[in-house]
Amino acid sequence: MPSLKWTDVREIAIALEEHHPDIDILHLRFTDLWKWVQELPGFEDDPHRSNERILEAIQMAWLDERD
């Protein structure tokens, strides 16, 4: 499996749905999301390269995956 980076929004969303299927995505704190992304298997990016815009994009992609 190729390594995941912050810019791999769709792939991250799919992995998050697999690892946290019961979470309320709309009420998720960005601090938790930030931590969970880094805990995903294959995630290999600098934690400081993330920002609110990227976390928002991941959250919206995750919502799309669930629908």
C-alpha atoms as a PDB file:
ATOM      1  CA  MET A   1       0.000   0.000   0.000  1.00  0.00           C
ATOM      2  CA  PRO A   2       1.421   3.405  -0.910  1.00  0.00           C
ATOM      3  CA  SER A   3       1.931   5.821   1.927  1.00  0.00           C
ATOM      4  CA  LEU A   4      -0.813   8.326   2.696  1.00  0.00           C
ATOM      5  CA  LYS A   5      -0.209  12.076   2.779  1.00  0.00           C
ATOM      6  CA  TRP A   6      -2.491  14.891   3.964  1.00  0.00           C
ATOM      7  CA  THR A   7      -3.381  15.589   0.327  1.00  0.00           C
ATOM      8  CA  ASP A   8      -4.833  12.070  -0.131  1.00  0.00           C
ATOM      9  CA  VAL A   9      -8.188  13.288   1.135  1.00  0.00           C
ATOM     10  CA  ARG A  10     -10.425  10.641  -0.464  1.00  0.00           C
ATOM     11  CA  GLU A  11      -8.178   7.717   0.535  1.00  0.00           C
ATOM     12  CA  ILE A  12      -7.956   9.047   4.095  1.00  0.00           C
ATOM     13  CA  ALA A  13     -11.754   9.383   4.251  1.00  0.00           C
ATOM     14  CA  ILE A  14     -12.205   5.774   3.130  1.00  0.00           C
ATOM     15  CA  ALA A  15      -9.713   4.541   5.717  1.00  0.00           C
ATOM     16  CA  LEU A  16     -11.342   6.596   8.477  1.00  0.00           C
ATOM     17  CA  GLU A  17     -14.749   5.145   7.633  1.00  0.00           C
ATOM     18  CA  GLU A  18     -13.265   1.642   7.904  1.00  0.00           C
ATOM     19  CA  HIS A  19     -11.611   2.389  11.270  1.00  0.00           C
ATOM     20  CA  HIS A  20     -14.324   4.591  12.850  1.00  0.00           C
ATOM     21  CA  PRO A  21     -17.670   3.564  11.288  1.00  0.00           C
ATOM     22  CA  ASP A  22     -19.830   4.655  14.219  1.00  0.00           C
ATOM     23  CA  ILE A  23     -18.464   8.163  14.813  1.00  0.00           C
ATOM     24  CA  ASP A  24     -20.657  11.240  14.403  1.00  0.00           C
ATOM     25  CA  ILE A  25     -18.617  12.936  11.686  1.00  0.00           C
ATOM     26  CA  LEU A  26     -20.387  16.296  11.954  1.00  0.00           C
ATOM     27  CA  HIS A  27     -19.590  16.652  15.658  1.00  0.00           C
ATOM     28  CA  LEU A  28     -16.023  15.384  15.459  1.00  0.00           C
ATOM     29  CA  ARG A  29     -13.373  17.688  16.883  1.00  0.00           C
ATOM     30  CA  PHE A  30     -10.577  18.531  14.473  1.00  0.00           C
ATOM     31  CA  THR A  31      -8.045  17.610  17.165  1.00  0.00           C
ATOM     32  CA  ASP A  32      -9.432  14.053  17.155  1.00  0.00           C
ATOM     33  CA  LEU A  33      -9.556  13.935  13.366  1.00  0.00           C
ATOM     34  CA  TRP A  34      -5.942  15.164  13.176  1.00  0.00           C
ATOM     35  CA  LYS A  35      -4.859  12.420  15.595  1.00  0.00           C
ATOM     36  CA  TRP A  36      -6.851   9.657  13.889  1.00  0.00           C
ATOM     37  CA  VAL A  37      -5.449  10.462  10.459  1.00  0.00           C
ATOM     38  CA  GLN A  38      -1.911  10.099  11.803  1.00  0.00           C
ATOM     39  CA  GLU A  39      -2.823   6.741  13.370  1.00  0.00           C
ATOM     40  CA  LEU A  40      -4.004   5.279  10.047  1.00  0.00           C
ATOM     41  CA  PRO A  41      -1.898   2.421   8.672  1.00  0.00           C
ATOM     42  CA  GLY A  42       0.320   3.771   5.919  1.00  0.00           C
ATOM     43  CA  PHE A  43       0.049   7.422   6.930  1.00  0.00           C
ATOM     44  CA  GLU A  44       3.494   8.962   6.539  1.00  0.00           C
ATOM     45  CA  ASP A  45       3.323  12.736   6.422  1.00  0.00           C
ATOM     46  CA  ASP A  46       4.486  15.559   8.643  1.00  0.00           C
ATOM     47  CA  PRO A  47       1.786  16.301  11.257  1.00  0.00           C
ATOM     48  CA  HIS A  48       2.485  20.002  10.865  1.00  0.00           C
ATOM     49  CA  ARG A  49       1.596  19.985   7.152  1.00  0.00           C
ATOM     50  CA  SER A  50      -2.064  19.730   8.091  1.00  0.00           C
ATOM     51  CA  ASN A  51      -4.327  22.746   8.461  1.00  0.00           C
ATOM     52  CA  GLU A  52      -7.997  23.500   9.032  1.00  0.00           C
ATOM     53  CA  ARG A  53      -8.755  23.525   5.293  1.00  0.00           C
ATOM     54  CA  ILE A  54      -7.308  20.022   4.839  1.00  0.00           C
ATOM     55  CA  LEU A  55      -9.129  18.675   7.893  1.00  0.00           C
ATOM     56  CA  GLU A  56     -12.388  20.172   6.613  1.00  0.00           C
ATOM     57  CA  ALA A  57     -11.854  18.548   3.223  1.00  0.00           C
ATOM     58  CA  ILE A  58     -11.225  15.182   4.900  1.00  0.00           C
ATOM     59  CA  GLN A  59     -14.366  15.598   7.013  1.00  0.00           C
ATOM     60  CA  MET A  60     -16.510  16.395   3.946  1.00  0.00           C
ATOM     61  CA  ALA A  61     -15.032  13.501   1.955  1.00  0.00           C
ATOM     62  CA  TRP A  62     -15.732  11.207   4.902  1.00  0.00           C
ATOM     63  CA  LEU A  63     -19.359  12.347   4.905  1.00  0.00           C
ATOM     64  CA  ASP A  64     -19.538  11.615   1.166  1.00  0.00           C
ATOM     65  CA  GLU A  65     -18.126   8.136   1.735  1.00  0.00           C
ATOM     66  CA  ARG A  66     -20.759   7.396   4.335  1.00  0.00           C
ATOM     67  CA  ASP A  67     -23.651   8.491   2.089  1.00  0.00           C
END
